[in-house]
């Protein structure tokens, strides 16, 4: 039997895990959540959820992958033959995500080239929607494929391919650059930000606690959601990465380090973002509260380019910002691809890893084409909402059910403590069997009730069904059928 590949060192494994966890959401979603939900007070539920939800789940996924020595599908198949669909559901959700995540990275690449001359000019909103996206009037108006985006998408997928084409060998070399690089660039943006006029007002807005917000269930739900998604849980990534660790490698310490570094970078990114927004508010006369309303693509491609235009040496810092976003995105993107490639290679070990990676990347590029049309942003928004808020949460629920109630949480904890310096107690059993399922059920229920009450972002029902429910049902149905026909 061919010996399984191994990470060159424990440090590189941590770099890969942190690189996967730290993505675009750390820069464009976390600071927004802090600003929206009580400032510094939001850090209380966030940190609580980190240790109640995030760390226990990450320990569990690392333990499953390392003990079973296979990817997500094989790991759950070893727990129980009929559970292999849980692993498939995880990697399918991840594959859908990377198909549109790569498109967002192509926007970053376009902005990188435009940064040298600050091509977006005074109206960053018009530039993003009209010049880059060529956005149509609605989700039903598909228009054409954007030539600039599709070309950038080819470049992005080429970069992803050469990051994963030799499995952990190539990933291990790439993460030595792509993990520390965005952190270094973030430090540069932070230093520039805090030295600008108005920076302190932005930081005060970011951290000023509103403890009344802690009485709002939406705040706790947002904290749960952010922790769950930011650690790349339920994607099959961490299971795949851990499967390339030696069976005796430390699990608990690695999971804690990964979680803390990821959250630390998120909090630090907030200082860089809000110090810059504070300067923009002072220079433009627009309130910080108004600027802080934006998150996601709006923050990265509309608000921040405008803010960067107002500071000295704007082209340089604009280039730094978009290189940082590309570096953050590439780690997350190729980790999603590696999760899929690992599952396929486990099942068909006679196929070369280079060929599997090529097939996955080409198929991912094809699946991303609908997101490059003039209606691409609408399609992306709907797909992201349903896959992340329903698909991943359902997979997470099934994972803790399989481990906690079928495999035996005591058995897995015993293995974790055998190989780990930090011993975990019975609190972990309770977290996996009871606390985390309740948290994920609350998330799922609140999202569903909100979507029933008000259609997501006011999209027509046919669009929500076609790009939302249909894709979600397809992923779950394929996973169920796969489980049913899975062989010993």
Protein backbone atom coordinates (compact mmCIF):
# COMPACT_ATOMS: atom_id res chain seq x y z
CA UNK A 1 0.00 0.00 0.00
CA UNK A 2 1.33 3.43 -0.98
CA UNK A 3 2.34 5.51 2.03
CA UNK A 4 0.24 8.61 2.57
CA UNK A 5 1.80 11.99 1.86
CA UNK A 6 2.91 14.05 4.87
CA UNK A 7 3.30 17.72 5.61
CA UNK A 8 7.01 18.64 5.66
CA UNK A 9 6.66 19.97 9.22
CA UNK A 10 4.13 20.80 11.94
CA UNK A 11 4.68 24.51 11.27
CA UNK A 12 3.70 24.17 7.63
CA UNK A 13 0.54 22.28 8.63
CA UNK A 14 -0.37 25.14 10.99
CA UNK A 15 0.41 27.65 8.21
CA UNK A 16 -1.91 25.74 5.86
CA UNK A 17 -4.72 25.50 8.43
CA UNK A 18 -4.43 29.17 9.40
CA UNK A 19 -4.20 30.16 5.73
CA UNK A 20 -7.43 28.32 4.99
CA UNK A 21 -9.22 29.86 7.98
CA UNK A 22 -8.00 33.43 7.40
CA UNK A 23 -9.79 34.66 4.30
CA UNK A 24 -11.60 37.65 2.87
CA UNK A 25 -14.24 37.48 5.62
CA UNK A 26 -11.62 38.37 8.25
CA UNK A 27 -11.12 41.74 6.54
CA UNK A 28 -14.52 42.60 5.11
CA UNK A 29 -17.01 40.90 7.44
CA UNK A 30 -15.62 40.74 10.98
CA UNK A 31 -14.89 44.51 11.37
CA UNK A 32 -18.37 45.23 10.01
CA UNK A 33 -19.97 42.91 12.58
CA UNK A 34 -18.06 44.54 15.43
CA UNK A 35 -19.11 48.00 14.27
CA UNK A 36 -22.73 46.93 13.82
CA UNK A 37 -23.23 44.82 16.95
CA UNK A 38 -22.08 46.81 19.94
CA UNK A 39 -18.44 47.60 19.13
CA UNK A 40 -16.10 46.14 21.75
CA UNK A 41 -19.09 44.47 23.42
CA UNK A 42 -19.37 42.16 20.39
CA UNK A 43 -16.02 40.66 21.33
CA UNK A 44 -17.66 39.07 24.40
CA UNK A 45 -20.03 36.73 22.48
CA UNK A 46 -17.41 36.34 19.75
CA UNK A 47 -14.72 35.06 22.15
CA UNK A 48 -17.24 32.93 24.05
CA UNK A 49 -18.36 31.31 20.79
CA UNK A 50 -14.74 30.80 19.80
CA UNK A 51 -14.24 28.48 22.79
CA UNK A 52 -17.77 27.04 22.95
CA UNK A 53 -18.23 26.36 19.24
CA UNK A 54 -15.07 26.98 17.22
CA UNK A 55 -12.26 25.30 19.14
CA UNK A 56 -14.21 22.08 19.99
CA UNK A 57 -15.35 21.66 16.38
CA UNK A 58 -11.88 22.29 14.98
CA UNK A 59 -10.40 19.77 17.44
CA UNK A 60 -13.03 17.28 16.27
CA UNK A 61 -12.30 17.77 12.55
CA UNK A 62 -8.52 17.60 13.07
CA UNK A 63 -8.99 14.41 15.14
CA UNK A 64 -11.23 12.72 12.56
CA UNK A 65 -8.86 13.42 9.67
CA UNK A 66 -5.72 12.47 11.58
CA UNK A 67 -7.12 9.28 13.08
CA UNK A 68 -8.81 8.02 9.91
CA UNK A 69 -5.95 9.12 7.59
CA UNK A 70 -8.35 9.91 4.74
CA UNK A 71 -10.42 12.87 3.53
CA UNK A 72 -13.92 13.81 4.62
CA UNK A 73 -15.81 11.12 2.68
CA UNK A 74 -13.51 8.30 3.76
CA UNK A 75 -13.43 9.48 7.36
CA UNK A 76 -17.19 9.34 7.82
CA UNK A 77 -17.34 6.10 5.84
CA UNK A 78 -15.02 4.58 8.46
CA UNK A 79 -17.37 5.74 11.21
CA UNK A 80 -20.33 4.14 9.45
CA UNK A 81 -20.69 3.16 5.78
CA UNK A 82 -23.96 5.06 5.35
CA UNK A 83 -22.43 8.28 6.70
CA UNK A 84 -20.01 8.83 3.83
CA UNK A 85 -22.52 11.29 2.36
CA UNK A 86 -21.80 13.69 5.24
CA UNK A 87 -18.25 14.04 4.00
CA UNK A 88 -19.45 14.37 0.42
CA UNK A 89 -21.89 17.09 1.46
CA UNK A 90 -19.01 19.00 3.06
CA UNK A 91 -16.78 18.92 -0.02
CA UNK A 92 -19.68 19.66 -2.39
CA UNK A 93 -20.57 22.76 -0.36
CA UNK A 94 -16.91 23.74 -0.46
CA UNK A 95 -16.74 23.21 -4.22
CA UNK A 96 -19.78 25.44 -4.80
CA UNK A 97 -18.18 28.10 -2.60
CA UNK A 98 -14.82 28.01 -4.40
CA UNK A 99 -16.57 28.30 -7.79
CA UNK A 100 -17.78 31.80 -6.88
CA UNK A 101 -14.98 32.64 -4.41
CA UNK A 102 -12.56 32.47 -7.34
CA UNK A 103 -14.71 35.04 -9.17
CA UNK A 104 -14.39 37.43 -6.20
CA UNK A 105 -10.64 36.89 -6.38
CA UNK A 106 -10.76 37.80 -10.07
CA UNK A 107 -12.33 41.14 -9.07
CA UNK A 108 -9.40 41.63 -6.67
CA UNK A 109 -6.96 40.89 -9.49
CA UNK A 110 -8.64 43.44 -11.75
CA UNK A 111 -8.48 46.05 -8.99
CA UNK A 112 -4.83 45.23 -8.40
CA UNK A 113 -3.98 46.30 -11.96
CA UNK A 114 -6.22 49.37 -11.74
CA UNK A 115 -4.60 50.39 -8.42
CA UNK A 116 -1.43 51.70 -10.05
CA UNK A 117 -3.36 54.55 -11.69
CA UNK A 118 -6.36 54.62 -9.29
CA UNK A 119 -8.61 54.00 -12.29
CA UNK A 120 -11.77 54.06 -10.16
CA UNK A 121 -11.56 57.85 -9.87
CA UNK A 122 -14.01 59.81 -7.70
CA UNK A 123 -17.01 57.49 -8.08
CA UNK A 124 -15.87 54.10 -6.82
CA UNK A 125 -19.46 52.82 -6.76
CA UNK A 126 -20.02 53.49 -10.47
CA UNK A 127 -16.62 52.02 -11.32
CA UNK A 128 -17.33 48.76 -9.47
CA UNK A 129 -20.87 48.23 -10.71
CA UNK A 130 -20.60 49.69 -14.22
CA UNK A 131 -16.97 49.31 -15.32
CA UNK A 132 -15.98 46.06 -13.59
CA UNK A 133 -19.20 44.07 -13.08
CA UNK A 134 -21.28 45.70 -15.84
CA UNK A 135 -24.11 44.88 -13.50
CA UNK A 136 -27.57 44.41 -15.02
CA UNK A 137 -30.84 45.82 -13.73
CA UNK A 138 -31.83 42.59 -11.99
CA UNK A 139 -31.18 38.90 -11.49
CA UNK A 140 -33.34 38.03 -14.50
CA UNK A 141 -31.26 40.18 -16.85
CA UNK A 142 -28.24 37.95 -17.50
CA UNK A 143 -26.69 40.11 -20.22
CA UNK A 144 -23.30 38.85 -21.39
CA UNK A 145 -20.14 37.40 -19.88
CA UNK A 146 -17.64 40.03 -18.76
CA UNK A 147 -14.49 39.51 -20.84
CA UNK A 148 -12.26 41.16 -18.23
CA UNK A 149 -13.61 39.01 -15.40
CA UNK A 150 -13.45 35.75 -17.35
CA UNK A 151 -9.83 36.47 -18.32
CA UNK A 152 -8.95 37.26 -14.69
CA UNK A 153 -10.75 34.07 -13.64
CA UNK A 154 -8.47 32.01 -15.91
CA UNK A 155 -5.45 33.57 -14.18
CA UNK A 156 -6.91 32.90 -10.71
CA UNK A 157 -7.64 29.24 -11.46
CA UNK A 158 -4.14 28.85 -12.94
CA UNK A 159 -2.69 30.14 -9.66
CA UNK A 160 -4.92 27.78 -7.67
CA UNK A 161 -3.88 24.81 -9.82
CA UNK A 162 -0.17 25.38 -9.37
CA UNK A 163 -0.72 25.73 -5.61
CA UNK A 164 -2.33 22.28 -5.32
CA UNK A 165 -1.10 20.32 -8.34
CA UNK A 166 1.29 18.17 -6.28
CA UNK A 167 -0.88 17.95 -3.18
CA UNK A 168 0.68 18.78 0.17
CA UNK A 169 4.12 19.06 -1.43
CA UNK A 170 3.16 22.11 -3.47
CA UNK A 171 0.68 23.45 -0.88
CA UNK A 172 3.41 23.28 1.78
CA UNK A 173 5.72 25.46 -0.32
CA UNK A 174 3.03 27.96 -1.30
CA UNK A 175 1.71 28.58 2.23
CA UNK A 176 5.18 29.62 3.37
CA UNK A 177 4.54 32.75 1.29
CA UNK A 178 0.76 33.14 1.15
CA UNK A 179 0.11 32.79 4.90
CA UNK A 180 2.57 35.38 6.30
CA UNK A 181 2.33 37.75 3.29
CA UNK A 182 -1.19 39.11 3.97
CA UNK A 183 -0.33 39.52 7.66
CA UNK A 184 2.74 41.60 6.74
CA UNK A 185 0.67 43.69 4.31
CA UNK A 186 -2.04 44.11 6.95
CA UNK A 187 0.59 45.45 9.36
CA UNK A 188 1.67 47.96 6.69
CA UNK A 189 -1.95 49.10 6.22
CA UNK A 190 -2.41 49.28 10.00
CA UNK A 191 0.67 51.48 10.47
CA UNK A 192 -0.46 53.74 7.64
CA UNK A 193 -4.02 53.82 9.00
CA UNK A 194 -3.27 54.72 12.62
CA UNK A 195 -0.97 57.58 11.55
CA UNK A 196 -3.73 59.31 9.53
CA UNK A 197 -5.81 62.24 10.84
CA UNK A 198 -9.12 60.99 12.19
CA UNK A 199 -7.80 57.46 12.75
CA UNK A 200 -8.51 57.46 16.48
CA UNK A 201 -12.15 58.39 15.92
CA UNK A 202 -12.47 55.32 13.71
CA UNK A 203 -10.81 53.06 16.26
CA UNK A 204 -13.01 54.42 19.06
CA UNK A 205 -16.08 53.68 16.92
CA UNK A 206 -14.75 50.16 16.33
CA UNK A 207 -14.12 49.34 19.99
CA UNK A 208 -16.54 51.53 21.99
CA UNK A 209 -18.71 48.97 23.82
CA UNK A 210 -22.48 49.09 23.78
CA UNK A 211 -23.29 46.44 26.35
CA UNK A 212 -27.04 46.79 25.67
CA UNK A 213 -26.36 44.95 22.40
CA UNK A 214 -25.66 41.78 24.41
CA UNK A 215 -29.39 41.51 25.11
CA UNK A 216 -30.08 41.15 21.37
CA UNK A 217 -30.24 37.51 20.20
CA UNK A 218 -29.16 38.65 16.72
CA UNK A 219 -25.77 39.65 18.16
CA UNK A 220 -25.17 36.16 19.57
CA UNK A 221 -26.36 34.59 16.33
CA UNK A 222 -23.92 36.77 14.36
CA UNK A 223 -21.06 35.72 16.69
CA UNK A 224 -21.92 32.03 16.24
CA UNK A 225 -22.14 32.45 12.48
CA UNK A 226 -18.82 34.27 12.18
CA UNK A 227 -16.91 31.71 14.27
CA UNK A 228 -18.41 28.78 12.38
CA UNK A 229 -17.61 30.14 8.91
CA UNK A 230 -14.27 31.82 9.60
CA UNK A 231 -12.58 28.58 10.79
CA UNK A 232 -13.45 26.74 7.55
CA UNK A 233 -15.56 24.24 9.49
CA UNK A 234 -17.81 21.69 7.70
CA UNK A 235 -16.00 22.21 4.37
CA UNK A 236 -13.97 19.00 4.64
CA UNK A 237 -10.82 21.16 4.49
CA UNK A 238 -9.54 20.62 8.02
CA UNK A 239 -10.30 16.89 7.83
CA UNK A 240 -8.32 16.63 4.58
CA UNK A 241 -5.39 18.68 5.88
CA UNK A 242 -5.22 16.72 9.14
CA UNK A 243 -5.24 13.42 7.24
CA UNK A 244 -1.71 14.28 6.02
CA UNK A 245 -0.49 14.56 9.62
CA UNK A 246 1.15 11.60 11.33
CA UNK A 247 -1.29 9.70 13.59
CA UNK A 248 0.70 10.75 16.67
CA UNK A 249 0.75 14.51 15.94
CA UNK A 250 -0.59 16.92 18.55
CA UNK A 251 -4.23 17.83 17.88
CA UNK A 252 -5.52 20.04 20.69
CA UNK A 253 -2.59 22.48 20.69
CA UNK A 254 -2.71 22.84 16.90
CA UNK A 255 -6.46 23.53 16.92
CA UNK A 256 -6.13 26.13 19.68
CA UNK A 257 -3.23 27.89 17.91
CA UNK A 258 -5.12 27.93 14.60
CA UNK A 259 -8.28 29.32 16.22
CA UNK A 260 -6.49 32.01 18.22
CA UNK A 261 -4.34 33.18 15.29
CA UNK A 262 -7.38 33.37 13.03
CA UNK A 263 -9.39 35.44 15.53
CA UNK A 264 -6.37 37.59 16.37
CA UNK A 265 -5.93 38.49 12.70
CA UNK A 266 -9.66 39.32 12.46
CA UNK A 267 -9.47 41.70 15.43
CA UNK A 268 -6.25 43.25 14.14
CA UNK A 269 -7.80 43.74 10.68
CA UNK A 270 -10.55 45.78 12.35
CA UNK A 271 -7.95 48.33 13.52
CA UNK A 272 -6.56 48.68 9.98
CA UNK A 273 -10.04 49.03 8.45
CA UNK A 274 -11.57 51.44 10.97
CA UNK A 275 -8.51 53.68 11.29
CA UNK A 276 -8.67 54.18 7.52
CA UNK A 277 -12.45 54.72 7.61
CA UNK A 278 -11.94 57.24 10.43
CA UNK A 279 -9.63 59.23 8.17
CA UNK A 280 -12.10 58.97 5.29
CA UNK A 281 -14.89 60.25 7.53
CA UNK A 282 -12.78 63.23 8.60
CA UNK A 283 -11.71 64.01 5.03
CA UNK A 284 -15.08 63.56 3.31
CA UNK A 285 -17.51 64.71 5.99
CA UNK A 286 -19.39 61.39 5.89
CA UNK A 287 -19.99 59.83 9.32
CA UNK A 288 -18.09 56.71 10.35
CA UNK A 289 -21.44 55.05 11.14
CA UNK A 290 -22.51 55.57 7.53
CA UNK A 291 -19.26 54.15 6.15
CA UNK A 292 -19.35 51.22 8.59
CA UNK A 293 -22.71 50.04 7.22
CA UNK A 294 -20.96 48.42 4.30
CA UNK A 295 -19.48 44.93 4.40
CA UNK A 296 -18.35 42.33 1.90
CA UNK A 297 -17.76 43.46 -1.69
CA UNK A 298 -19.09 46.96 -0.99
CA UNK A 299 -16.45 47.55 1.69
CA UNK A 300 -13.61 46.07 -0.37
CA UNK A 301 -14.43 47.47 -3.80
CA UNK A 302 -16.34 50.70 -3.10
CA UNK A 303 -15.65 52.15 0.35
CA UNK A 304 -12.01 51.16 0.78
CA UNK A 305 -10.78 52.24 -2.68
CA UNK A 306 -12.39 55.62 -1.97
CA UNK A 307 -10.70 55.78 1.43
CA UNK A 308 -7.33 54.78 -0.03
CA UNK A 309 -7.64 57.51 -2.67
CA UNK A 310 -7.70 60.11 0.09
CA UNK A 311 -4.38 59.17 1.71
CA UNK A 312 -0.82 60.08 0.66
CA UNK A 313 0.89 57.56 -1.65
CA UNK A 314 -2.56 56.20 -2.53
CA UNK A 315 -1.44 53.96 -5.46
CA UNK A 316 1.10 52.14 -3.29
CA UNK A 317 -1.34 51.44 -0.47
CA UNK A 318 -4.04 50.45 -2.95
CA UNK A 319 -1.69 47.89 -4.48
CA UNK A 320 -0.83 46.62 -0.99
CA UNK A 321 -4.52 46.30 -0.10
CA UNK A 322 -5.48 44.26 -3.15
CA UNK A 323 -2.36 42.07 -3.03
CA UNK A 324 -3.39 41.34 0.56
CA UNK A 325 -6.91 40.36 -0.54
CA UNK A 326 -5.53 38.11 -3.29
CA UNK A 327 -3.12 36.44 -0.84
CA UNK A 328 -5.92 35.96 1.71
CA UNK A 329 -8.23 34.53 -0.95
CA UNK A 330 -5.76 32.16 -2.60
CA UNK A 331 -5.12 30.18 0.60
CA UNK A 332 -8.83 29.68 1.23
CA UNK A 333 -9.49 28.86 -2.42
CA UNK A 334 -6.82 26.19 -2.87
CA UNK A 335 -7.71 24.63 0.49
CA UNK A 336 -11.26 24.11 -0.80
CA UNK A 337 -9.87 22.52 -3.97
CA UNK A 338 -7.48 20.33 -1.96
CA UNK A 339 -10.40 19.05 0.13
CA UNK A 340 -12.10 17.85 -3.07
CA UNK A 341 -8.88 16.47 -4.61
CA UNK A 342 -8.08 14.51 -1.43
CA UNK A 343 -11.46 12.77 -1.51
CA UNK A 344 -11.06 11.81 -5.19
CA UNK A 345 -7.46 10.64 -4.71
CA UNK A 346 -8.46 8.53 -1.69
CA UNK A 347 -11.03 6.75 -3.86
CA UNK A 348 -8.92 6.53 -7.03
CA UNK A 349 -5.28 6.41 -5.84
CA UNK A 350 -4.08 5.22 -9.27
CA UNK A 351 -4.88 8.64 -10.80
CA UNK A 352 -2.06 11.15 -10.52
CA UNK A 353 -2.63 14.03 -8.09
CA UNK A 354 -1.68 16.50 -10.84
CA UNK A 355 -4.45 15.16 -13.09
CA UNK A 356 -7.08 15.20 -10.32
CA UNK A 357 -6.18 18.79 -9.44
CA UNK A 358 -6.45 19.78 -13.11
CA UNK A 359 -9.91 18.20 -13.47
CA UNK A 360 -11.18 19.88 -10.29
CA UNK A 361 -9.82 23.29 -11.32
CA UNK A 362 -11.22 23.11 -14.85
CA UNK A 363 -14.64 22.05 -13.55
CA UNK A 364 -14.49 24.79 -10.91
CA UNK A 365 -13.76 27.36 -13.63
CA UNK A 366 -16.73 26.15 -15.70
CA UNK A 367 -19.06 26.27 -12.69
CA UNK A 368 -17.91 29.83 -12.00
CA UNK A 369 -18.93 31.15 -15.44
CA UNK A 370 -22.55 32.07 -14.37
CA UNK A 371 -21.00 34.40 -11.78
CA UNK A 372 -19.07 36.29 -14.48
CA UNK A 373 -22.20 37.45 -16.32
CA UNK A 374 -23.75 40.88 -15.89
CA UNK A 375 -26.11 39.29 -13.33
CA UNK A 376 -23.21 37.46 -11.67
CA UNK A 377 -23.24 39.45 -8.44
CA UNK A 378 -26.91 38.60 -7.83
CA UNK A 379 -26.30 34.90 -8.53
CA UNK A 380 -23.26 34.90 -6.26
CA UNK A 381 -25.11 36.61 -3.41
CA UNK A 382 -28.01 34.14 -3.49
CA UNK A 383 -25.81 31.04 -3.83
CA UNK A 384 -23.55 32.17 -0.99
CA UNK A 385 -26.50 32.79 1.33
CA UNK A 386 -28.01 29.34 0.86
CA UNK A 387 -24.82 27.27 0.81
CA UNK A 388 -23.18 28.92 3.82
CA UNK A 389 -26.25 29.52 5.98
CA UNK A 390 -28.02 26.22 5.23
CA UNK A 391 -25.65 23.76 3.56
CA UNK A 392 -22.65 24.16 5.85
CA UNK A 393 -24.75 24.39 9.02
CA UNK A 394 -26.62 21.20 8.11
CA UNK A 395 -23.32 19.42 7.39
CA UNK A 396 -21.96 20.67 10.73
CA UNK A 397 -25.00 19.30 12.53
CA UNK A 398 -24.60 15.92 10.86
CA UNK A 399 -20.89 15.84 11.70
CA UNK A 400 -21.39 16.36 15.44
CA UNK A 401 -24.27 13.85 15.42
CA UNK A 402 -22.09 11.22 13.72
CA UNK A 403 -19.13 11.75 16.04
CA UNK A 404 -21.02 12.48 19.25
CA UNK A 405 -23.69 9.81 19.08
CA UNK A 406 -22.52 7.09 16.67
CA UNK A 407 -18.72 6.93 16.71
CA UNK A 408 -18.43 7.72 20.40
CA UNK A 409 -17.20 11.03 21.70
CA UNK A 410 -15.33 9.36 24.59
CA UNK A 411 -13.38 7.18 22.16
CA UNK A 412 -12.30 10.17 20.06
CA UNK A 413 -11.41 12.24 23.14
CA UNK A 414 -9.24 9.40 24.44
CA UNK A 415 -7.31 9.42 21.15
CA UNK A 416 -6.95 13.21 21.21
CA UNK A 417 -5.54 13.14 24.75
CA UNK A 418 -3.12 10.35 23.85
CA UNK A 419 -1.42 12.51 21.21
CA UNK A 420 -1.91 16.01 22.66
CA UNK A 421 0.06 17.96 25.26
CA UNK A 422 -3.07 19.87 26.26
CA UNK A 423 -5.61 17.39 27.64
CA UNK A 424 -9.29 18.08 27.01
CA UNK A 425 -11.90 17.20 29.62
CA UNK A 426 -15.49 16.00 29.56
CA UNK A 427 -16.60 19.56 28.73
CA UNK A 428 -15.61 18.66 25.16
CA UNK A 429 -18.01 15.70 25.18
CA UNK A 430 -20.85 17.99 26.25
CA UNK A 431 -19.91 20.56 23.61
CA UNK A 432 -19.96 18.01 20.76
CA UNK A 433 -23.08 16.13 21.88
CA UNK A 434 -25.28 18.94 23.19
CA UNK A 435 -24.01 22.54 23.09
CA UNK A 436 -22.82 22.77 19.47
CA UNK A 437 -25.92 21.02 18.01
CA UNK A 438 -28.13 23.48 19.90
CA UNK A 439 -26.09 26.45 18.62
CA UNK A 440 -26.25 25.23 15.02
CA UNK A 441 -29.98 24.48 15.28
CA UNK A 442 -30.58 28.01 16.54
CA UNK A 443 -28.59 29.42 13.60
CA UNK A 444 -30.49 27.28 11.11
CA UNK A 445 -33.90 28.10 12.60
CA UNK A 446 -33.31 31.86 12.78
CA UNK A 447 -32.08 31.98 9.18
CA UNK A 448 -35.05 29.96 7.93
CA UNK A 449 -37.60 32.06 9.85
CA UNK A 450 -36.05 35.27 8.51
CA UNK A 451 -36.13 33.95 4.95
CA UNK A 452 -39.77 32.88 5.30
CA UNK A 453 -40.73 36.24 6.78
CA UNK A 454 -38.87 38.31 4.17
CA UNK A 455 -37.39 36.95 0.91
CA UNK A 456 -33.61 37.26 1.08
CA UNK A 457 -32.55 40.75 -0.06
CA UNK A 458 -35.90 41.13 -1.84
CA UNK A 459 -34.95 38.77 -4.66
CA UNK A 460 -37.84 37.22 -6.64
CA UNK A 461 -38.89 33.75 -5.51
CA UNK A 462 -37.90 32.11 -8.81
CA UNK A 463 -34.31 33.39 -8.40
CA UNK A 464 -34.12 32.24 -4.77
CA UNK A 465 -35.33 28.83 -5.86
CA UNK A 466 -33.08 28.53 -8.93
CA UNK A 467 -29.79 29.77 -7.43
CA UNK A 468 -30.56 29.03 -3.80
CA UNK A 469 -32.88 26.21 -2.84
CA UNK A 470 -32.23 24.18 -6.00
CA UNK A 471 -28.44 24.15 -5.55
CA UNK A 472 -28.81 23.41 -1.83
CA UNK A 473 -31.29 20.57 -2.43
CA UNK A 474 -29.04 19.22 -5.20
CA UNK A 475 -26.01 19.07 -2.88
CA UNK A 476 -27.98 17.37 -0.09
CA UNK A 477 -29.73 14.94 -2.48
CA UNK A 478 -26.48 13.87 -4.15
CA UNK A 479 -24.94 13.32 -0.70
CA UNK A 480 -27.91 11.25 0.45
CA UNK A 481 -27.92 9.08 -2.68
CA UNK A 482 -24.16 8.59 -2.37
CA UNK A 483 -24.61 7.43 1.24
CA UNK A 484 -27.38 5.04 0.28
CA UNK A 485 -25.35 3.31 -2.45
CA UNK A 486 -22.01 3.51 -0.67
CA UNK A 487 -20.27 0.14 -0.53
CA UNK A 488 -18.21 -1.41 2.21
